[in-house]
Amino acid sequence: MYILIKARLATMSELKSCYTLDEALKLYALYRMEQDVEAGRADEIAKGVN
């Protein structure tokens, strides 16, 4: 969950008081998916594929 704080997606107080564990895990999953998509796009650009 500290990754969410570091990425400035949530604060510790928000994670403790506003989000359930399920919601926090979904937020983390969305964050990771976005990172994967960005990495894939960067890889395509590096290879010259559009």
PDB file of N, CA and C in Angstrom:
ATOM      1  N   MET A   1       0.809  -1.194   0.000  1.00  0.00           N
ATOM      2  CA  MET A   1       0.000   0.000   0.000  1.00  0.00           C
ATOM      3  C   MET A   1       0.857   1.264   0.000  1.00  0.00           C
ATOM      4  N   TYR A   2       2.115   1.123   0.425  1.00  0.00           N
ATOM      5  CA  TYR A   2       2.979   2.293   0.429  1.00  0.00           C
ATOM      6  C   TYR A   2       3.250   2.792  -0.987  1.00  0.00           C
ATOM      7  N   ILE A   3       3.115   1.916  -1.958  1.00  0.00           N
ATOM      8  CA  ILE A   3       3.281   2.332  -3.352  1.00  0.00           C
ATOM      9  C   ILE A   3       2.205   3.351  -3.721  1.00  0.00           C
ATOM     10  N   LEU A   4       0.990   3.162  -3.231  1.00  0.00           N
ATOM     11  CA  LEU A   4      -0.085   4.119  -3.497  1.00  0.00           C
ATOM     12  C   LEU A   4       0.239   5.476  -2.888  1.00  0.00           C
ATOM     13  N   ILE A   5       0.843   5.465  -1.715  1.00  0.00           N
ATOM     14  CA  ILE A   5       1.224   6.726  -1.065  1.00  0.00           C
ATOM     15  C   ILE A   5       2.354   7.376  -1.842  1.00  0.00           C
ATOM     16  N   LYS A   6       3.363   6.598  -2.199  1.00  0.00           N
ATOM     17  CA  LYS A   6       4.512   7.129  -2.939  1.00  0.00           C
ATOM     18  C   LYS A   6       4.087   7.700  -4.296  1.00  0.00           C
ATOM     19  N   ALA A   7       3.127   7.048  -4.937  1.00  0.00           N
ATOM     20  CA  ALA A   7       2.630   7.520  -6.232  1.00  0.00           C
ATOM     21  C   ALA A   7       1.646   8.677  -6.072  1.00  0.00           C
ATOM     22  N   ARG A   8       1.397   9.057  -4.831  1.00  0.00           N
ATOM     23  CA  ARG A   8       0.487  10.159  -4.498  1.00  0.00           C
ATOM     24  C   ARG A   8      -0.946   9.897  -4.964  1.00  0.00           C
ATOM     25  N   LEU A   9      -1.331   8.627  -4.909  1.00  0.00           N
ATOM     26  CA  LEU A   9      -2.705   8.251  -5.236  1.00  0.00           C
ATOM     27  C   LEU A   9      -3.585   8.252  -3.999  1.00  0.00           C
ATOM     28  N   ALA A  10      -2.955   8.108  -2.838  1.00  0.00           N
ATOM     29  CA  ALA A  10      -3.701   8.098  -1.581  1.00  0.00           C
ATOM     30  C   ALA A  10      -2.753   8.465  -0.449  1.00  0.00           C
ATOM     31  N   THR A  11      -3.314   8.968   0.624  1.00  0.00           N
ATOM     32  CA  THR A  11      -2.523   9.232   1.816  1.00  0.00           C
ATOM     33  C   THR A  11      -2.734   8.090   2.807  1.00  0.00           C
ATOM     34  N   MET A  12      -1.874   8.016   3.797  1.00  0.00           N
ATOM     35  CA  MET A  12      -2.016   6.973   4.804  1.00  0.00           C
ATOM     36  C   MET A  12      -3.353   7.114   5.525  1.00  0.00           C
ATOM     37  N   SER A  13      -3.732   8.338   5.842  1.00  0.00           N
ATOM     38  CA  SER A  13      -5.010   8.530   6.539  1.00  0.00           C
ATOM     39  C   SER A  13      -6.184   8.123   5.662  1.00  0.00           C
ATOM     40  N   GLU A  14      -6.094   8.369   4.352  1.00  0.00           N
ATOM     41  CA  GLU A  14      -7.154   7.922   3.443  1.00  0.00           C
ATOM     42  C   GLU A  14      -7.231   6.400   3.407  1.00  0.00           C
ATOM     43  N   LEU A  15      -6.072   5.755   3.332  1.00  0.00           N
ATOM     44  CA  LEU A  15      -6.067   4.302   3.284  1.00  0.00           C
ATOM     45  C   LEU A  15      -6.649   3.702   4.556  1.00  0.00           C
ATOM     46  N   LYS A  16      -6.403   4.354   5.682  1.00  0.00           N
ATOM     47  CA  LYS A  16      -6.906   3.835   6.953  1.00  0.00           C
ATOM     48  C   LYS A  16      -8.378   4.136   7.179  1.00  0.00           C
ATOM     49  N   SER A  17      -8.844   5.298   6.702  1.00  0.00           N
ATOM     50  CA  SER A  17     -10.204   5.711   7.053  1.00  0.00           C
ATOM     51  C   SER A  17     -11.205   5.696   5.902  1.00  0.00           C
ATOM     52  N   CYS A  18     -10.749   5.854   4.683  1.00  0.00           N
ATOM     53  CA  CYS A  18     -11.683   6.024   3.560  1.00  0.00           C
ATOM     54  C   CYS A  18     -11.829   4.783   2.691  1.00  0.00           C
ATOM     55  N   TYR A  19     -10.788   3.989   2.593  1.00  0.00           N
ATOM     56  CA  TYR A  19     -10.800   2.840   1.695  1.00  0.00           C
ATOM     57  C   TYR A  19     -10.891   1.542   2.479  1.00  0.00           C
ATOM     58  N   THR A  20     -11.645   0.607   1.953  1.00  0.00           N
ATOM     59  CA  THR A  20     -11.579  -0.751   2.486  1.00  0.00           C
ATOM     60  C   THR A  20     -10.359  -1.411   1.856  1.00  0.00           C
ATOM     61  N   LEU A  21      -9.961  -2.538   2.383  1.00  0.00           N
ATOM     62  CA  LEU A  21      -8.826  -3.246   1.808  1.00  0.00           C
ATOM     63  C   LEU A  21      -9.105  -3.606   0.361  1.00  0.00           C
ATOM     64  N   ASP A  22     -10.326  -4.016   0.068  1.00  0.00           N
ATOM     65  CA  ASP A  22     -10.720  -4.362  -1.303  1.00  0.00           C
ATOM     66  C   ASP A  22     -10.539  -3.174  -2.240  1.00  0.00           C
ATOM     67  N   GLU A  23     -10.998  -2.009  -1.817  1.00  0.00           N
ATOM     68  CA  GLU A  23     -10.885  -0.811  -2.649  1.00  0.00           C
ATOM     69  C   GLU A  23      -9.430  -0.405  -2.854  1.00  0.00           C
ATOM     70  N   ALA A  24      -8.632  -0.495  -1.804  1.00  0.00           N
ATOM     71  CA  ALA A  24      -7.221  -0.151  -1.913  1.00  0.00           C
ATOM     72  C   ALA A  24      -6.511  -1.106  -2.864  1.00  0.00           C
ATOM     73  N   LEU A  25      -6.843  -2.384  -2.795  1.00  0.00           N
ATOM     74  CA  LEU A  25      -6.226  -3.352  -3.703  1.00  0.00           C
ATOM     75  C   LEU A  25      -6.642  -3.113  -5.152  1.00  0.00           C
ATOM     76  N   LYS A  26      -7.884  -2.711  -5.365  1.00  0.00           N
ATOM     77  CA  LYS A  26      -8.332  -2.375  -6.725  1.00  0.00           C
ATOM     78  C   LYS A  26      -7.594  -1.150  -7.244  1.00  0.00           C
ATOM     79  N   LEU A  27      -7.415  -0.153  -6.387  1.00  0.00           N
ATOM     80  CA  LEU A  27      -6.668   1.047  -6.775  1.00  0.00           C
ATOM     81  C   LEU A  27      -5.237   0.679  -7.144  1.00  0.00           C
ATOM     82  N   TYR A  28      -4.624  -0.200  -6.355  1.00  0.00           N
ATOM     83  CA  TYR A  28      -3.269  -0.657  -6.646  1.00  0.00           C
ATOM     84  C   TYR A  28      -3.221  -1.414  -7.974  1.00  0.00           C
ATOM     85  N   ALA A  29      -4.200  -2.267  -8.216  1.00  0.00           N
ATOM     86  CA  ALA A  29      -4.241  -3.029  -9.470  1.00  0.00           C
ATOM     87  C   ALA A  29      -4.377  -2.103 -10.673  1.00  0.00           C
ATOM     88  N   LEU A  30      -5.212  -1.092 -10.554  1.00  0.00           N
ATOM     89  CA  LEU A  30      -5.361  -0.117 -11.645  1.00  0.00           C
ATOM     90  C   LEU A  30      -4.066   0.639 -11.878  1.00  0.00           C
ATOM     91  N   TYR A  31      -3.392   1.005 -10.806  1.00  0.00           N
ATOM     92  CA  TYR A  31      -2.115   1.700 -10.906  1.00  0.00           C
ATOM     93  C   TYR A  31      -1.092   0.831 -11.630  1.00  0.00           C
ATOM     94  N   ARG A  32      -1.013  -0.452 -11.256  1.00  0.00           N
ATOM     95  CA  ARG A  32      -0.057  -1.363 -11.887  1.00  0.00           C
ATOM     96  C   ARG A  32      -0.395  -1.592 -13.361  1.00  0.00           C
ATOM     97  N   MET A  33      -1.690  -1.700 -13.681  1.00  0.00           N
ATOM     98  CA  MET A  33      -2.088  -1.878 -15.084  1.00  0.00           C
ATOM     99  C   MET A  33      -1.673  -0.663 -15.903  1.00  0.00           C
ATOM    100  N   GLU A  34      -1.850   0.523 -15.356  1.00  0.00           N
ATOM    101  CA  GLU A  34      -1.452   1.740 -16.062  1.00  0.00           C
ATOM    102  C   GLU A  34       0.056   1.748 -16.301  1.00  0.00           C
ATOM    103  N   GLN A  35       0.823   1.323 -15.299  1.00  0.00           N
ATOM    104  CA  GLN A  35       2.274   1.238 -15.470  1.00  0.00           C
ATOM    105  C   GLN A  35       2.638   0.241 -16.561  1.00  0.00           C
ATOM    106  N   ASP A  36       1.975  -0.903 -16.610  1.00  0.00           N
ATOM    107  CA  ASP A  36       2.242  -1.907 -17.626  1.00  0.00           C
ATOM    108  C   ASP A  36       1.925  -1.394 -19.023  1.00  0.00           C
ATOM    109  N   VAL A  37       0.808  -0.689 -19.162  1.00  0.00           N
ATOM    110  CA  VAL A  37       0.428  -0.130 -20.458  1.00  0.00           C
ATOM    111  C   VAL A  37       1.460   0.902 -20.899  1.00  0.00           C
ATOM    112  N   GLU A  38       1.874   1.771 -19.993  1.00  0.00           N
ATOM    113  CA  GLU A  38       2.879   2.781 -20.334  1.00  0.00           C
ATOM    114  C   GLU A  38       4.201   2.132 -20.736  1.00  0.00           C
ATOM    115  N   ALA A  39       4.589   1.077 -20.028  1.00  0.00           N
ATOM    116  CA  ALA A  39       5.833   0.369 -20.368  1.00  0.00           C
ATOM    117  C   ALA A  39       5.717  -0.280 -21.745  1.00  0.00           C
ATOM    118  N   GLY A  40       4.552  -0.836 -22.054  1.00  0.00           N
ATOM    119  CA  GLY A  40       4.336  -1.434 -23.369  1.00  0.00           C
ATOM    120  C   GLY A  40       4.400  -0.410 -24.474  1.00  0.00           C
ATOM    121  N   ARG A  41       3.816   0.746 -24.242  1.00  0.00           N
ATOM    122  CA  ARG A  41       3.873   1.816 -25.250  1.00  0.00           C
ATOM    123  C   ARG A  41       5.292   2.311 -25.448  1.00  0.00           C
ATOM    124  N   ALA A  42       6.024   2.469 -24.354  1.00  0.00           N
ATOM    125  CA  ALA A  42       7.423   2.912 -24.459  1.00  0.00           C
ATOM    126  C   ALA A  42       8.244   1.887 -25.213  1.00  0.00           C
ATOM    127  N   ASP A  43       7.968   0.609 -24.992  1.00  0.00           N
ATOM    128  CA  ASP A  43       8.685  -0.454 -25.693  1.00  0.00           C
ATOM    129  C   ASP A  43       8.378  -0.415 -27.185  1.00  0.00           C
ATOM    130  N   GLU A  44       7.105  -0.195 -27.529  1.00  0.00           N
ATOM    131  CA  GLU A  44       6.728  -0.102 -28.936  1.00  0.00           C
ATOM    132  C   GLU A  44       7.395   1.083 -29.607  1.00  0.00           C
ATOM    133  N   ILE A  45       7.439   2.205 -28.916  1.00  0.00           N
ATOM    134  CA  ILE A  45       8.083   3.400 -29.464  1.00  0.00           C
ATOM    135  C   ILE A  45       9.575   3.144 -29.671  1.00  0.00           C
ATOM    136  N   ALA A  46      10.193   2.483 -28.693  1.00  0.00           N
ATOM    137  CA  ALA A  46      11.618   2.184 -28.793  1.00  0.00           C
ATOM    138  C   ALA A  46      11.924   1.254 -29.962  1.00  0.00           C
ATOM    139  N   LYS A  47      10.989   0.351 -30.253  1.00  0.00           N
ATOM    140  CA  LYS A  47      11.184  -0.581 -31.364  1.00  0.00           C
ATOM    141  C   LYS A  47      10.720   0.005 -32.684  1.00  0.00           C
ATOM    142  N   GLY A  48      10.068   1.148 -32.649  1.00  0.00           N
ATOM    143  CA  GLY A  48       9.587   1.785 -33.867  1.00  0.00           C
ATOM    144  C   GLY A  48       8.292   1.220 -34.386  1.00  0.00           C
ATOM    145  N   VAL A  49       7.527   0.551 -33.542  1.00  0.00           N
ATOM    146  CA  VAL A  49       6.246  -0.043 -33.935  1.00  0.00           C
ATOM    147  C   VAL A  49       5.129   0.899 -33.540  1.00  0.00           C
ATOM    148  N   ASN A  50       4.183   1.106 -34.445  1.00  0.00           N
ATOM    149  CA  ASN A  50       3.033   1.976 -34.118  1.00  0.00           C
ATOM    150  C   ASN A  50       1.799   1.179 -33.970  1.00  0.00           C
TER     151      ASN A  50
END
